[in-house]
Amino acid sequence: MPTTLELGYANSDYTFWNGLFLPAKTPREIVDRLHQEAQKAATTPAVREKLAQQGIDPMPITPAEFDALIRKEIDEGIALVKAAGIKVN
């Protein structure tokens, strides 16, 4: 598979990340509580060590920031597909 550079996208950058997703209509208090607990867990020495062993660098962001990240990635993906002329079969 060709790299993005080989495809002519020299200035592209694609970072892999993981996150927690919930159904769209999940009540805000549940979203906030899960966020708080996940952030708390991610700061414990045991979890930080395990993540570091896997080359993972935690990126603590708020649910609103995560939503914005998802929307930005979708928009960038759409633009890349259009620029590459990719068509749905």
C-alpha atoms as a PDB file:
ATOM      1  CA  MET A   1       0.000   0.000   0.000  1.00  0.00           C
ATOM      2  CA  PRO A   2       1.454   3.403  -0.925  1.00  0.00           C
ATOM      3  CA  THR A   3       2.194   6.002   1.713  1.00  0.00           C
ATOM      4  CA  THR A   4       0.419   9.354   1.788  1.00  0.00           C
ATOM      5  CA  LEU A   5       3.649  10.941   0.503  1.00  0.00           C
ATOM      6  CA  GLU A   6       3.690   8.567  -2.471  1.00  0.00           C
ATOM      7  CA  LEU A   7       0.070   9.499  -3.199  1.00  0.00           C
ATOM      8  CA  GLY A   8       1.022  13.171  -3.385  1.00  0.00           C
ATOM      9  CA  TYR A   9      -0.081  14.266   0.102  1.00  0.00           C
ATOM     10  CA  ALA A  10       3.283  15.393   1.465  1.00  0.00           C
ATOM     11  CA  ASN A  11       1.784  17.587   4.175  1.00  0.00           C
ATOM     12  CA  SER A  12      -0.654  15.026   5.524  1.00  0.00           C
ATOM     13  CA  ASP A  13      -0.509  13.663   9.024  1.00  0.00           C
ATOM     14  CA  TYR A  14      -2.570  10.819  10.415  1.00  0.00           C
ATOM     15  CA  THR A  15      -2.399  10.041  14.082  1.00  0.00           C
ATOM     16  CA  PHE A  16      -3.967   6.914  15.517  1.00  0.00           C
ATOM     17  CA  TRP A  17      -5.851   7.320  18.760  1.00  0.00           C
ATOM     18  CA  ASN A  18      -8.368   5.547  20.946  1.00  0.00           C
ATOM     19  CA  GLY A  19     -11.300   6.941  22.846  1.00  0.00           C
ATOM     20  CA  LEU A  20     -14.440   5.998  24.697  1.00  0.00           C
ATOM     21  CA  PHE A  21     -17.694   6.296  22.783  1.00  0.00           C
ATOM     22  CA  LEU A  22     -21.241   6.259  24.103  1.00  0.00           C
ATOM     23  CA  PRO A  23     -24.606   6.279  22.356  1.00  0.00           C
ATOM     24  CA  ALA A  24     -25.535   9.746  21.079  1.00  0.00           C
ATOM     25  CA  LYS A  25     -28.381  10.292  23.532  1.00  0.00           C
ATOM     26  CA  THR A  26     -26.468   9.263  26.668  1.00  0.00           C
ATOM     27  CA  PRO A  27     -27.363  11.672  29.496  1.00  0.00           C
ATOM     28  CA  ARG A  28     -24.705  14.332  30.129  1.00  0.00           C
ATOM     29  CA  GLU A  29     -24.221  13.275  33.761  1.00  0.00           C
ATOM     30  CA  ILE A  30     -23.241   9.770  32.614  1.00  0.00           C
ATOM     31  CA  VAL A  31     -20.853  11.173  29.996  1.00  0.00           C
ATOM     32  CA  ASP A  32     -19.273  13.457  32.585  1.00  0.00           C
ATOM     33  CA  ARG A  33     -18.977  10.689  35.173  1.00  0.00           C
ATOM     34  CA  LEU A  34     -17.348   8.279  32.718  1.00  0.00           C
ATOM     35  CA  HIS A  35     -14.966  11.040  31.652  1.00  0.00           C
ATOM     36  CA  GLN A  36     -14.010  11.779  35.268  1.00  0.00           C
ATOM     37  CA  GLU A  37     -13.424   8.112  36.087  1.00  0.00           C
ATOM     38  CA  ALA A  38     -11.446   7.465  32.896  1.00  0.00           C
ATOM     39  CA  GLN A  39      -9.247  10.504  33.582  1.00  0.00           C
ATOM     40  CA  LYS A  40      -8.714   9.358  37.158  1.00  0.00           C
ATOM     41  CA  ALA A  41      -7.746   5.856  36.015  1.00  0.00           C
ATOM     42  CA  ALA A  42      -5.387   7.208  33.342  1.00  0.00           C
ATOM     43  CA  THR A  43      -3.398   9.103  35.962  1.00  0.00           C
ATOM     44  CA  THR A  44      -2.698   6.111  38.212  1.00  0.00           C
ATOM     45  CA  PRO A  45       0.914   4.887  38.137  1.00  0.00           C
ATOM     46  CA  ALA A  46      -0.095   1.352  37.087  1.00  0.00           C
ATOM     47  CA  VAL A  47      -2.130   2.529  34.102  1.00  0.00           C
ATOM     48  CA  ARG A  48       0.444   5.130  33.056  1.00  0.00           C
ATOM     49  CA  GLU A  49       3.170   2.467  33.169  1.00  0.00           C
ATOM     50  CA  LYS A  50       1.098   0.007  31.128  1.00  0.00           C
ATOM     51  CA  LEU A  51       0.302   2.668  28.543  1.00  0.00           C
ATOM     52  CA  ALA A  52       3.958   3.730  28.336  1.00  0.00           C
ATOM     53  CA  GLN A  53       4.988   0.099  27.738  1.00  0.00           C
ATOM     54  CA  GLN A  54       2.694   0.101  24.714  1.00  0.00           C
ATOM     55  CA  GLY A  55       3.997   3.430  23.433  1.00  0.00           C
ATOM     56  CA  ILE A  56       0.738   5.186  24.271  1.00  0.00           C
ATOM     57  CA  ASP A  57       0.801   8.819  25.301  1.00  0.00           C
ATOM     58  CA  PRO A  58      -2.471   9.784  27.034  1.00  0.00           C
ATOM     59  CA  MET A  59      -4.192  12.812  25.595  1.00  0.00           C
ATOM     60  CA  PRO A  60      -6.582  14.017  28.289  1.00  0.00           C
ATOM     61  CA  ILE A  61      -9.303  16.127  26.697  1.00  0.00           C
ATOM     62  CA  THR A  62     -12.852  17.053  27.615  1.00  0.00           C
ATOM     63  CA  PRO A  63     -15.892  15.395  26.029  1.00  0.00           C
ATOM     64  CA  ALA A  64     -16.502  18.603  24.031  1.00  0.00           C
ATOM     65  CA  GLU A  65     -12.898  18.587  22.774  1.00  0.00           C
ATOM     66  CA  PHE A  66     -13.239  14.906  21.836  1.00  0.00           C
ATOM     67  CA  ASP A  67     -16.436  15.670  19.913  1.00  0.00           C
ATOM     68  CA  ALA A  68     -14.634  18.460  18.047  1.00  0.00           C
ATOM     69  CA  LEU A  69     -11.732  16.096  17.264  1.00  0.00           C
ATOM     70  CA  ILE A  70     -14.117  13.494  15.818  1.00  0.00           C
ATOM     71  CA  ARG A  71     -15.889  16.107  13.687  1.00  0.00           C
ATOM     72  CA  LYS A  72     -12.543  17.480  12.439  1.00  0.00           C
ATOM     73  CA  GLU A  73     -11.281  13.992  11.528  1.00  0.00           C
ATOM     74  CA  ILE A  74     -14.492  13.213   9.646  1.00  0.00           C
ATOM     75  CA  ASP A  75     -14.253  16.487   7.704  1.00  0.00           C
ATOM     76  CA  GLU A  76     -10.587  15.858   6.884  1.00  0.00           C
ATOM     77  CA  GLY A  77     -11.376  12.303   5.790  1.00  0.00           C
ATOM     78  CA  ILE A  78     -14.132  13.520   3.496  1.00  0.00           C
ATOM     79  CA  ALA A  79     -11.799  16.127   1.973  1.00  0.00           C
ATOM     80  CA  LEU A  80      -9.070  13.523   1.432  1.00  0.00           C
ATOM     81  CA  VAL A  81     -11.469  11.085  -0.233  1.00  0.00           C
ATOM     82  CA  LYS A  82     -12.761  13.836  -2.530  1.00  0.00           C
ATOM     83  CA  ALA A  83      -9.245  15.067  -3.350  1.00  0.00           C
ATOM     84  CA  ALA A  84      -8.144  11.528  -4.161  1.00  0.00           C
ATOM     85  CA  GLY A  85     -11.181  11.026  -6.395  1.00  0.00           C
ATOM     86  CA  ILE A  86     -12.275   7.934  -4.524  1.00  0.00           C
ATOM     87  CA  LYS A  87     -15.721   6.735  -5.551  1.00  0.00           C
ATOM     88  CA  VAL A  88     -18.096   4.404  -3.732  1.00  0.00           C
ATOM     89  CA  ASN A  89     -18.731   1.159  -5.606  1.00  0.00           C
END
